[in-house]
Amino acid sequence: MKTLRDVRIGETCKVVRLHGEGAVKRRIMDMGITRNVEIYVRKVAPLGDPIEVNVRGYELSLRKADADMIEVEE
């Protein structure tokens, strides 16, 4: 299983599944991250947290813990 946290800078991936439950999963979905959406990893902060991505035409910063809940494929 590959997660969004494993995707390198400059790569695009497709969301396969969201892990997590309740409010955390709902918050991720409210940000526009749903199944089959493409995510482009723009940059990662020097210490690795947060990760900046492009989703549905806008920029979004995600914590590593949230990125671990997003299963992707390339």
Protein backbone atom coordinates (compact mmCIF):
# COMPACT_ATOMS: atom_id res chain seq x y z
CA MET A 1 0.00 0.00 0.00
CA LYS A 2 1.38 3.39 -1.01
CA THR A 3 0.22 6.56 0.73
CA LEU A 4 0.40 10.21 -0.25
CA ARG A 5 3.27 10.58 2.20
CA ASP A 6 5.39 8.24 0.02
CA VAL A 7 4.93 10.25 -3.21
CA ARG A 8 7.97 12.26 -4.27
CA ILE A 9 8.06 15.96 -5.14
CA GLY A 10 6.96 16.60 -8.73
CA GLU A 11 4.94 13.39 -9.05
CA THR A 12 1.21 13.04 -9.66
CA CYS A 13 -0.86 10.28 -8.12
CA LYS A 14 -4.49 9.18 -7.98
CA VAL A 15 -6.42 8.59 -4.75
CA VAL A 16 -7.52 4.98 -4.33
CA ARG A 17 -8.96 5.00 -0.82
CA LEU A 18 -9.24 7.13 2.31
CA HIS A 19 -8.44 5.50 5.63
CA GLY A 20 -9.46 6.85 9.00
CA GLU A 21 -12.88 7.37 10.49
CA GLY A 22 -15.37 9.99 11.51
CA ALA A 23 -14.39 13.65 11.67
CA VAL A 24 -10.86 13.12 10.34
CA LYS A 25 -12.04 11.36 7.19
CA ARG A 26 -14.80 13.95 6.69
CA ARG A 27 -12.27 16.80 7.00
CA ILE A 28 -10.04 15.24 4.33
CA MET A 29 -13.03 14.79 2.02
CA ASP A 30 -14.16 18.38 2.64
CA MET A 31 -10.75 19.54 1.35
CA GLY A 32 -11.60 17.95 -2.00
CA ILE A 33 -9.60 14.75 -1.58
CA THR A 34 -11.93 11.97 -2.71
CA ARG A 35 -11.54 8.71 -4.61
CA ASN A 36 -10.11 8.97 -8.16
CA VAL A 37 -8.99 12.60 -7.79
CA GLU A 38 -5.46 13.41 -8.99
CA ILE A 39 -2.98 15.00 -6.59
CA TYR A 40 0.27 16.70 -7.61
CA VAL A 41 2.93 16.91 -4.87
CA ARG A 42 4.37 20.41 -5.17
CA LYS A 43 6.82 20.58 -2.28
CA VAL A 44 7.65 19.31 1.17
CA ALA A 45 8.76 21.46 4.10
CA PRO A 46 12.42 21.08 5.15
CA LEU A 47 11.54 18.93 8.16
CA GLY A 48 9.01 16.93 6.15
CA ASP A 49 5.85 18.42 7.61
CA PRO A 50 3.62 19.75 6.02
CA ILE A 51 3.34 18.53 2.43
CA GLU A 52 2.07 21.01 -0.17
CA VAL A 53 -0.08 19.55 -2.94
CA ASN A 54 -2.31 20.71 -5.79
CA VAL A 55 -5.83 19.24 -5.71
CA ARG A 56 -8.67 20.25 -8.05
CA GLY A 57 -6.84 23.41 -9.10
CA TYR A 58 -5.92 24.78 -5.67
CA GLU A 59 -2.96 24.45 -3.31
CA LEU A 60 -3.36 22.58 -0.06
CA SER A 61 -1.00 21.84 2.83
CA LEU A 62 -1.41 18.52 4.61
CA ARG A 63 0.20 17.15 7.74
CA LYS A 64 2.13 13.90 7.39
CA ALA A 65 -0.40 12.18 9.65
CA ASP A 66 -3.22 13.14 7.26
CA ALA A 67 -1.16 12.16 4.19
CA ASP A 68 -0.69 8.69 5.72
CA MET A 69 -4.47 8.18 5.61
CA ILE A 70 -4.65 8.70 1.84
CA GLU A 71 -3.91 5.55 -0.17
CA VAL A 72 -2.73 6.35 -3.73
CA GLU A 73 -1.56 4.77 -6.97
CA GLU A 74 0.67 6.31 -9.59
